[in-house]
Amino acid sequence: MDKEKQILSLIKANPFITQNELSAQLGLSRSAVAGYISALVRKGSIIGRAYVLPKEASIVCIGGANVDRKAHCLGPFRLRESNPAAIAHSCGGVARNIAENLGRLGSAVSLITLVGNDNEGKWLLAETKTYGVDVSQAIELPNARTGTYTAILDDRNDMIAAVADMQIYDSFSTDMLQSKWPHIAAGERIVADTNLPAELIRYLVERCRDDSRSLCINTVSAAKTTRLPEDLRGVDMIFCNRHEAGALAGIPVEDQDGCKDAWKRISARGVRKIVITLGEQGLFWAEADNDADTEADPASEAGRYGYVRPHKVNVVDVTGAGDALMAGVIFGLAQGEPFATACRLGTAAAALTVQTNRTVADLNAELLYETMAQHQTEGL
């Protein structure tokens, strides 16, 4: 057994053991023990004093947490006039939504985000915490406004326009992320969205590659795909829609064949897995490794791929469906499911979400599996 493993074993037995005691038991100098302890902290194997051991199978979400507002017009929308509307507000933000979905599904999940020192930020974190999300790593910035997203919908529930105040994320620095690294590295999976600045995303990709951490990225929008570095080695999985996939690949993506062409280009940049949503056409998934549960694509060196058809449901509001889908896939993988099965669980989570007017539906693991099973039976 190497020294790091010996030290970790002793710490598990007694988290309050001192470095002098470790030195005596292992026959090492105190400075040597201190060096091993520092290495274990950097790797996330232990977290600070008194050598707190990380939770197992945890997921760390990094990115946006906003207050969402929806203004539903009560009659036909009239430009440049005052329109009567019913306004509702809720928690939002891609990383935050994913974290809440995972929390509802029973996963051990934490959220690293920026909020302002304002009432909206305090409310946002308090609400998120109620769904089982650890928000202790969120950073509160003085003299900053918590992010907001405001959408105007017409009387048919179609969006007319939306405005977003996300300036706070420009302040998210590499130093902030470095200070959180012991917590991040302790996670089984790391989830990030592209609301983060480009230099921070680059650092995260490189650090996950160097530390062999599993990094999943939600591209958020076609415009924000430009924040991703050209070298994506270190990214385990990317979630995007067809427009975002096209922006990443540099080609138009309209259908399933377009997804395959885009995947060949994106995987060449180092990504191991991808999920591309196609709206009413369902989703496309692919992975570059050789342990998928479907036949290999003989025309592709990128690996294996498949499709998941959408559920036939009464759509009330599509807001948050993509975030639910990503959470469902990550949940499935955390349960040890094959990638294709995890994507079916993600599709079930999205279907449950679009049937409500909430950004995050009232999910649980049993309901998710039941919905997936029912969908597979209906397809027979």
Protein backbone atom coordinates (compact mmCIF):
# COMPACT_ATOMS: atom_id res chain seq x y z
CA MET A 1 0.00 0.00 0.00
CA ASP A 2 1.47 3.40 -0.97
CA LYS A 3 1.86 6.18 1.58
CA GLU A 4 -1.14 8.22 0.37
CA LYS A 5 -3.44 5.22 0.74
CA GLN A 6 -2.01 4.46 4.18
CA ILE A 7 -2.57 8.04 5.30
CA LEU A 8 -6.10 8.07 3.90
CA SER A 9 -6.89 4.81 5.69
CA LEU A 10 -5.70 6.23 9.03
CA ILE A 11 -7.69 9.44 8.50
CA LYS A 12 -10.84 7.43 7.75
CA ALA A 13 -10.35 5.62 11.05
CA ASN A 14 -9.74 8.89 12.92
CA PRO A 15 -10.53 12.16 11.09
CA PHE A 16 -8.99 14.12 13.99
CA ILE A 17 -5.61 12.38 13.87
CA THR A 18 -2.69 14.84 13.96
CA GLN A 19 0.20 15.00 11.56
CA ASN A 20 2.57 14.10 14.41
CA GLU A 21 0.52 10.97 15.09
CA LEU A 22 0.55 10.06 11.40
CA SER A 23 4.30 10.64 11.34
CA ALA A 24 4.86 8.31 14.30
CA GLN A 25 2.63 5.52 12.96
CA LEU A 26 4.07 5.56 9.45
CA GLY A 27 7.69 6.25 10.27
CA LEU A 28 7.73 9.41 8.18
CA SER A 29 8.92 12.91 8.94
CA ARG A 30 6.23 15.47 9.77
CA SER A 31 7.12 17.47 6.66
CA ALA A 32 6.68 14.37 4.50
CA VAL A 33 3.24 13.74 6.03
CA ALA A 34 2.32 17.38 5.39
CA GLY A 35 3.28 16.92 1.73
CA TYR A 36 1.10 13.84 1.38
CA ILE A 37 -1.80 15.64 3.10
CA SER A 38 -1.49 18.58 0.69
CA ALA A 39 -1.56 16.20 -2.29
CA LEU A 40 -4.69 14.47 -0.96
CA VAL A 41 -6.41 17.85 -0.49
CA ARG A 42 -5.55 18.91 -4.07
CA LYS A 43 -6.99 15.66 -5.40
CA GLY A 44 -10.16 16.11 -3.36
CA SER A 45 -9.57 12.88 -1.42
CA ILE A 46 -9.88 14.87 1.80
CA ILE A 47 -11.35 18.33 2.40
CA GLY A 48 -9.54 20.62 4.81
CA ARG A 49 -9.46 20.20 8.58
CA ALA A 50 -10.35 18.05 10.45
CA TYR A 51 -9.67 15.97 7.35
CA VAL A 52 -13.31 15.90 6.28
CA LEU A 53 -13.89 13.03 3.88
CA PRO A 54 -15.93 13.88 0.77
CA LYS A 55 -19.41 12.47 0.20
CA GLU A 56 -19.45 9.57 -2.22
CA ALA A 57 -20.98 9.80 -5.70
CA SER A 58 -21.52 13.56 -5.42
CA ILE A 59 -22.18 15.87 -8.36
CA VAL A 60 -20.89 19.46 -8.47
CA CYS A 61 -22.78 21.95 -10.66
CA ILE A 62 -20.98 25.17 -11.64
CA GLY A 63 -22.62 28.08 -13.45
CA GLY A 64 -25.75 30.17 -13.62
CA ALA A 65 -28.34 30.70 -10.89
CA ASN A 66 -30.91 33.36 -11.72
CA VAL A 67 -34.31 34.65 -10.76
CA ASP A 68 -36.65 33.92 -13.68
CA ARG A 69 -39.66 36.10 -14.37
CA LYS A 70 -42.43 35.28 -16.83
CA ALA A 71 -44.94 37.88 -17.91
CA HIS A 72 -47.99 36.18 -19.48
CA CYS A 73 -50.05 38.66 -21.50
CA LEU A 74 -53.76 38.41 -20.69
CA GLY A 75 -54.76 39.44 -24.21
CA PRO A 76 -53.20 39.95 -27.66
CA PHE A 77 -49.78 41.60 -27.37
CA ARG A 78 -49.57 45.17 -28.65
CA LEU A 79 -46.14 46.58 -29.42
CA ARG A 80 -45.23 49.90 -27.78
CA GLU A 81 -48.28 49.75 -25.51
CA SER A 82 -48.90 48.77 -21.92
CA ASN A 83 -50.09 45.15 -21.92
CA PRO A 84 -52.01 43.65 -18.99
CA ALA A 85 -50.12 40.58 -17.78
CA ALA A 86 -49.77 38.08 -14.95
CA ILE A 87 -46.17 37.99 -13.74
CA ALA A 88 -44.65 35.04 -11.92
CA HIS A 89 -41.13 34.56 -10.65
CA SER A 90 -39.19 31.38 -9.94
CA CYS A 91 -35.69 30.02 -9.48
CA GLY A 92 -33.72 29.60 -12.69
CA GLY A 93 -30.28 29.34 -14.24
CA VAL A 94 -28.99 26.31 -16.14
CA ALA A 95 -26.57 24.94 -13.53
CA ARG A 96 -29.01 25.69 -10.71
CA ASN A 97 -31.92 24.00 -12.53
CA ILE A 98 -29.81 20.90 -13.17
CA ALA A 99 -28.77 20.85 -9.50
CA GLU A 100 -32.39 21.11 -8.31
CA ASN A 101 -33.51 18.32 -10.63
CA LEU A 102 -30.71 16.11 -9.32
CA GLY A 103 -31.56 17.01 -5.75
CA ARG A 104 -35.19 16.04 -6.31
CA LEU A 105 -33.98 12.73 -7.76
CA GLY A 106 -32.05 12.03 -4.56
CA SER A 107 -28.52 12.70 -5.81
CA ALA A 108 -25.86 14.23 -3.58
CA VAL A 109 -25.37 17.52 -5.41
CA SER A 110 -23.82 20.91 -4.72
CA LEU A 111 -23.95 24.25 -6.54
CA ILE A 112 -21.13 26.72 -7.12
CA THR A 113 -22.46 30.00 -8.47
CA LEU A 114 -22.36 33.75 -7.98
CA VAL A 115 -25.18 35.76 -6.40
CA GLY A 116 -25.39 39.35 -5.32
CA ASN A 117 -25.65 40.54 -1.74
CA ASP A 118 -29.34 41.23 -2.27
CA ASN A 119 -32.70 39.80 -1.32
CA GLU A 120 -33.03 37.95 -4.62
CA GLY A 121 -29.73 36.14 -4.10
CA LYS A 122 -30.62 35.12 -0.56
CA TRP A 123 -34.05 33.90 -1.69
CA LEU A 124 -32.54 31.98 -4.61
CA LEU A 125 -30.08 30.06 -2.44
CA ALA A 126 -32.63 29.40 0.32
CA GLU A 127 -35.15 27.99 -2.17
CA THR A 128 -32.52 25.85 -3.91
CA LYS A 129 -31.37 24.42 -0.59
CA THR A 130 -34.86 23.13 0.19
CA TYR A 131 -34.56 20.60 -2.66
CA GLY A 132 -31.48 18.92 -1.21
CA VAL A 133 -28.83 21.01 -2.97
CA ASP A 134 -25.72 21.98 -0.99
CA VAL A 135 -25.35 25.74 -1.59
CA SER A 136 -22.56 26.28 0.93
CA GLN A 137 -20.03 26.77 -1.88
CA ALA A 138 -21.99 29.59 -3.60
CA ILE A 139 -20.17 32.93 -3.65
CA GLU A 140 -21.95 36.11 -2.59
CA LEU A 141 -20.56 39.26 -4.19
CA PRO A 142 -21.06 42.64 -2.52
CA ASN A 143 -22.34 45.48 -4.71
CA ALA A 144 -23.48 43.04 -7.41
CA ARG A 145 -26.96 42.13 -8.67
CA THR A 146 -28.13 38.55 -8.74
CA GLY A 147 -28.72 37.37 -12.30
CA THR A 148 -32.23 37.72 -13.72
CA TYR A 149 -34.04 36.44 -16.80
CA THR A 150 -37.33 38.01 -17.86
CA ALA A 151 -39.54 36.56 -20.59
CA ILE A 152 -42.70 38.06 -22.15
CA LEU A 153 -45.20 35.52 -23.45
CA ASP A 154 -48.30 36.24 -25.50
CA ASP A 155 -51.80 34.98 -24.73
CA ARG A 156 -51.01 31.74 -26.60
CA ASN A 157 -47.99 31.10 -24.34
CA ASP A 158 -45.48 31.79 -27.13
CA MET A 159 -42.46 33.87 -26.16
CA ILE A 160 -42.37 37.34 -27.70
CA ALA A 161 -39.06 38.45 -26.23
CA ALA A 162 -36.75 37.93 -23.28
CA VAL A 163 -34.07 39.98 -21.57
CA ALA A 164 -31.29 38.73 -19.32
CA ASP A 165 -29.08 40.52 -16.81
CA MET A 166 -26.13 38.13 -16.37
CA GLN A 167 -23.35 40.65 -15.81
CA ILE A 168 -22.50 39.12 -12.44
CA TYR A 169 -20.91 36.08 -14.12
CA ASP A 170 -18.26 38.28 -15.72
CA SER A 171 -16.82 38.52 -12.20
CA PHE A 172 -16.38 34.75 -11.88
CA SER A 173 -12.59 34.42 -11.73
CA THR A 174 -10.16 31.52 -11.98
CA ASP A 175 -8.99 32.31 -8.44
CA MET A 176 -12.54 31.76 -7.18
CA LEU A 177 -12.65 28.35 -8.84
CA GLN A 178 -9.21 27.40 -7.59
CA SER A 179 -10.30 28.14 -4.03
CA LYS A 180 -13.18 25.69 -4.50
CA TRP A 181 -11.10 22.96 -6.14
CA PRO A 182 -10.86 20.57 -3.17
CA HIS A 183 -14.67 20.51 -3.10
CA ILE A 184 -14.94 20.22 -6.90
CA ALA A 185 -12.36 17.44 -7.15
CA ALA A 186 -14.23 15.45 -4.52
CA GLY A 187 -17.23 15.16 -6.84
CA GLU A 188 -17.85 12.08 -8.94
CA ARG A 189 -19.04 14.31 -11.78
CA ILE A 190 -18.65 17.99 -12.52
CA VAL A 191 -21.36 19.83 -14.46
CA ALA A 192 -20.77 23.29 -15.94
CA ASP A 193 -22.69 25.65 -18.20
CA THR A 194 -21.33 28.24 -20.60
CA ASN A 195 -22.62 31.16 -18.57
CA LEU A 196 -19.07 31.06 -17.19
CA PRO A 197 -16.42 33.31 -18.79
CA ALA A 198 -14.32 31.71 -21.55
CA GLU A 199 -11.09 31.76 -19.54
CA LEU A 200 -12.81 30.03 -16.64
CA ILE A 201 -14.21 27.30 -18.91
CA ARG A 202 -10.76 26.77 -20.41
CA TYR A 203 -9.28 26.42 -16.93
CA LEU A 204 -12.00 23.96 -15.92
CA VAL A 205 -11.48 21.81 -19.04
CA GLU A 206 -7.71 21.72 -18.58
CA ARG A 207 -7.89 21.05 -14.86
CA CYS A 208 -10.40 18.22 -15.31
CA ARG A 209 -8.19 16.71 -18.00
CA ASP A 210 -5.08 16.94 -15.82
CA ASP A 211 -6.88 15.58 -12.73
CA SER A 212 -8.88 12.93 -14.64
CA ARG A 213 -12.23 14.32 -13.49
CA SER A 214 -15.51 13.72 -15.37
CA LEU A 215 -16.70 17.06 -16.81
CA CYS A 216 -20.13 17.53 -18.43
CA ILE A 217 -20.91 20.81 -20.22
CA ASN A 218 -24.24 22.36 -21.18
CA THR A 219 -23.66 24.75 -24.09
CA VAL A 220 -26.70 26.97 -23.17
CA SER A 221 -26.86 28.80 -26.54
CA ALA A 222 -25.22 28.79 -29.97
CA ALA A 223 -23.60 32.17 -29.22
CA LYS A 224 -22.04 30.89 -26.00
CA THR A 225 -20.42 27.85 -27.67
CA THR A 226 -17.64 30.27 -28.68
CA ARG A 227 -16.60 30.30 -25.02
CA LEU A 228 -15.48 26.67 -25.31
CA PRO A 229 -11.80 26.12 -26.15
CA GLU A 230 -10.86 24.41 -29.40
CA ASP A 231 -9.16 21.62 -27.45
CA LEU A 232 -11.95 19.82 -25.59
CA ARG A 233 -9.89 16.93 -24.26
CA GLY A 234 -11.02 16.73 -20.66
CA VAL A 235 -14.73 17.06 -21.53
CA ASP A 236 -16.49 13.79 -20.88
CA MET A 237 -19.89 14.87 -22.22
CA ILE A 238 -21.56 17.80 -23.99
CA PHE A 239 -25.30 18.57 -24.02
CA CYS A 240 -26.61 20.81 -26.80
CA ASN A 241 -29.47 21.37 -29.21
CA ARG A 242 -29.04 21.14 -32.97
CA HIS A 243 -28.24 24.84 -33.34
CA GLU A 244 -25.54 24.64 -30.68
CA ALA A 245 -24.17 21.42 -32.19
CA GLY A 246 -24.00 23.14 -35.56
CA ALA A 247 -22.10 26.06 -34.06
CA LEU A 248 -19.64 23.69 -32.41
CA ALA A 249 -19.14 21.63 -35.58
CA GLY A 250 -19.24 24.49 -38.06
CA ILE A 251 -21.96 22.84 -40.16
CA PRO A 252 -25.78 23.08 -40.24
CA VAL A 253 -27.57 20.38 -38.24
CA GLU A 254 -31.18 19.78 -39.23
CA ASP A 255 -31.77 16.06 -38.67
CA GLN A 256 -30.28 12.81 -37.43
CA ASP A 257 -27.80 12.53 -40.30
CA GLY A 258 -26.62 16.05 -39.53
CA CYS A 259 -26.07 14.98 -35.91
CA LYS A 260 -23.76 12.17 -37.01
CA ASP A 261 -21.70 14.53 -39.15
CA ALA A 262 -21.50 17.05 -36.32
CA TRP A 263 -20.48 14.34 -33.86
CA LYS A 264 -17.54 13.28 -36.03
CA ARG A 265 -16.22 16.84 -35.93
CA ILE A 266 -16.91 17.47 -32.25
CA SER A 267 -15.45 14.16 -31.09
CA ALA A 268 -12.28 14.99 -33.03
CA ARG A 269 -11.82 17.89 -30.59
CA GLY A 270 -11.66 15.42 -27.70
CA VAL A 271 -15.24 15.05 -26.42
CA ARG A 272 -16.12 11.49 -25.37
CA LYS A 273 -19.94 11.67 -25.32
CA ILE A 274 -22.63 13.95 -26.72
CA VAL A 275 -26.38 14.47 -26.49
CA ILE A 276 -28.03 16.57 -29.20
CA THR A 277 -31.72 17.43 -28.79
CA LEU A 278 -33.85 17.65 -31.92
CA GLY A 279 -37.20 18.81 -30.58
CA GLU A 280 -40.00 16.73 -32.03
CA GLN A 281 -37.43 14.37 -33.58
CA GLY A 282 -36.19 13.30 -30.16
CA LEU A 283 -32.50 13.20 -29.36
CA PHE A 284 -29.26 11.84 -30.76
CA TRP A 285 -26.55 10.43 -28.53
CA ALA A 286 -23.07 9.16 -29.30
CA GLU A 287 -19.98 8.06 -27.42
CA ALA A 288 -16.40 7.56 -28.44
CA ASP A 289 -15.62 4.61 -26.17
CA ASN A 290 -16.37 1.00 -26.96
CA ASP A 291 -18.69 -0.03 -24.14
CA ALA A 292 -21.99 1.29 -25.49
CA ASP A 293 -25.03 -0.99 -25.62
CA THR A 294 -25.84 -0.60 -29.32
CA GLU A 295 -24.16 -1.60 -32.55
CA ALA A 296 -21.17 0.40 -33.73
CA ASP A 297 -21.56 2.81 -36.62
CA PRO A 298 -19.48 1.23 -39.39
CA ALA A 299 -19.16 4.56 -41.20
CA SER A 300 -17.73 6.43 -38.24
CA GLU A 301 -14.47 6.32 -36.32
CA ALA A 302 -16.12 8.32 -33.57
CA GLY A 303 -17.72 5.31 -31.88
CA ARG A 304 -21.33 4.33 -31.28
CA TYR A 305 -24.56 6.27 -31.46
CA GLY A 306 -28.32 6.00 -31.12
CA TYR A 307 -31.60 7.89 -31.03
CA VAL A 308 -34.35 8.26 -28.46
CA ARG A 309 -37.81 9.16 -29.71
CA PRO A 310 -39.74 11.84 -27.79
CA HIS A 311 -42.69 11.12 -25.51
CA LYS A 312 -46.13 12.02 -26.81
CA VAL A 313 -47.41 14.39 -24.14
CA ASN A 314 -49.48 17.54 -23.78
CA VAL A 315 -46.89 20.31 -23.79
CA VAL A 316 -47.66 23.16 -21.40
CA ASP A 317 -44.29 24.94 -21.23
CA VAL A 318 -40.92 23.82 -22.61
CA THR A 319 -38.91 26.03 -20.23
CA GLY A 320 -36.42 23.92 -18.29
CA ALA A 321 -36.89 20.79 -20.39
CA GLY A 322 -33.27 20.74 -21.54
CA ASP A 323 -31.98 21.17 -17.99
CA ALA A 324 -34.23 18.30 -16.81
CA LEU A 325 -32.99 16.13 -19.66
CA MET A 326 -29.34 16.71 -18.73
CA ALA A 327 -30.08 16.01 -15.07
CA GLY A 328 -31.87 12.78 -15.99
CA VAL A 329 -28.95 11.57 -18.09
CA ILE A 330 -26.42 12.36 -15.37
CA PHE A 331 -28.65 10.70 -12.78
CA GLY A 332 -28.85 7.58 -14.93
CA LEU A 333 -25.09 7.40 -15.37
CA ALA A 334 -24.63 7.86 -11.61
CA GLN A 335 -26.91 4.84 -11.13
CA GLY A 336 -24.60 2.79 -13.35
CA GLU A 337 -26.97 2.72 -16.32
CA PRO A 338 -25.61 2.39 -19.89
CA PHE A 339 -25.46 5.67 -21.79
CA ALA A 340 -28.46 4.79 -23.99
CA THR A 341 -30.60 3.99 -20.94
CA ALA A 342 -29.45 7.18 -19.21
CA CYS A 343 -30.59 9.14 -22.27
CA ARG A 344 -34.02 7.50 -22.07
CA LEU A 345 -34.22 8.56 -18.42
CA GLY A 346 -33.28 12.09 -19.49
CA THR A 347 -36.03 12.06 -22.11
CA ALA A 348 -38.50 10.96 -19.43
CA ALA A 349 -37.41 13.83 -17.16
CA ALA A 350 -37.91 16.32 -19.99
CA ALA A 351 -41.36 14.89 -20.80
CA LEU A 352 -42.47 15.24 -17.19
CA THR A 353 -41.21 18.84 -17.11
CA VAL A 354 -42.93 20.10 -20.28
CA GLN A 355 -46.29 18.92 -18.93
CA THR A 356 -46.10 21.56 -16.17
CA ASN A 357 -45.75 25.33 -16.11
CA ARG A 358 -42.77 25.03 -13.77
CA THR A 359 -39.12 25.23 -14.78
CA VAL A 360 -38.37 22.24 -12.55
CA ALA A 361 -41.03 19.57 -12.17
CA ASP A 362 -41.75 17.52 -9.06
CA LEU A 363 -39.47 14.64 -10.01
CA ASN A 364 -38.40 11.55 -8.11
CA ALA A 365 -36.42 8.49 -9.12
CA GLU A 366 -39.35 6.06 -9.03
CA LEU A 367 -41.50 8.30 -11.25
CA LEU A 368 -38.62 8.72 -13.69
CA TYR A 369 -38.13 4.98 -14.15
CA GLU A 370 -41.89 4.40 -14.40
CA THR A 371 -42.20 7.08 -17.10
CA MET A 372 -39.31 5.58 -19.06
CA ALA A 373 -40.80 2.07 -18.83
CA GLN A 374 -44.24 3.28 -19.93
CA HIS A 375 -42.73 5.07 -22.92
CA GLN A 376 -40.84 1.93 -23.99
CA THR A 377 -44.02 -0.16 -23.68
CA GLU A 378 -46.02 2.32 -25.77
CA GLY A 379 -43.43 2.01 -28.53
CA LEU A 380 -43.92 -1.75 -28.90
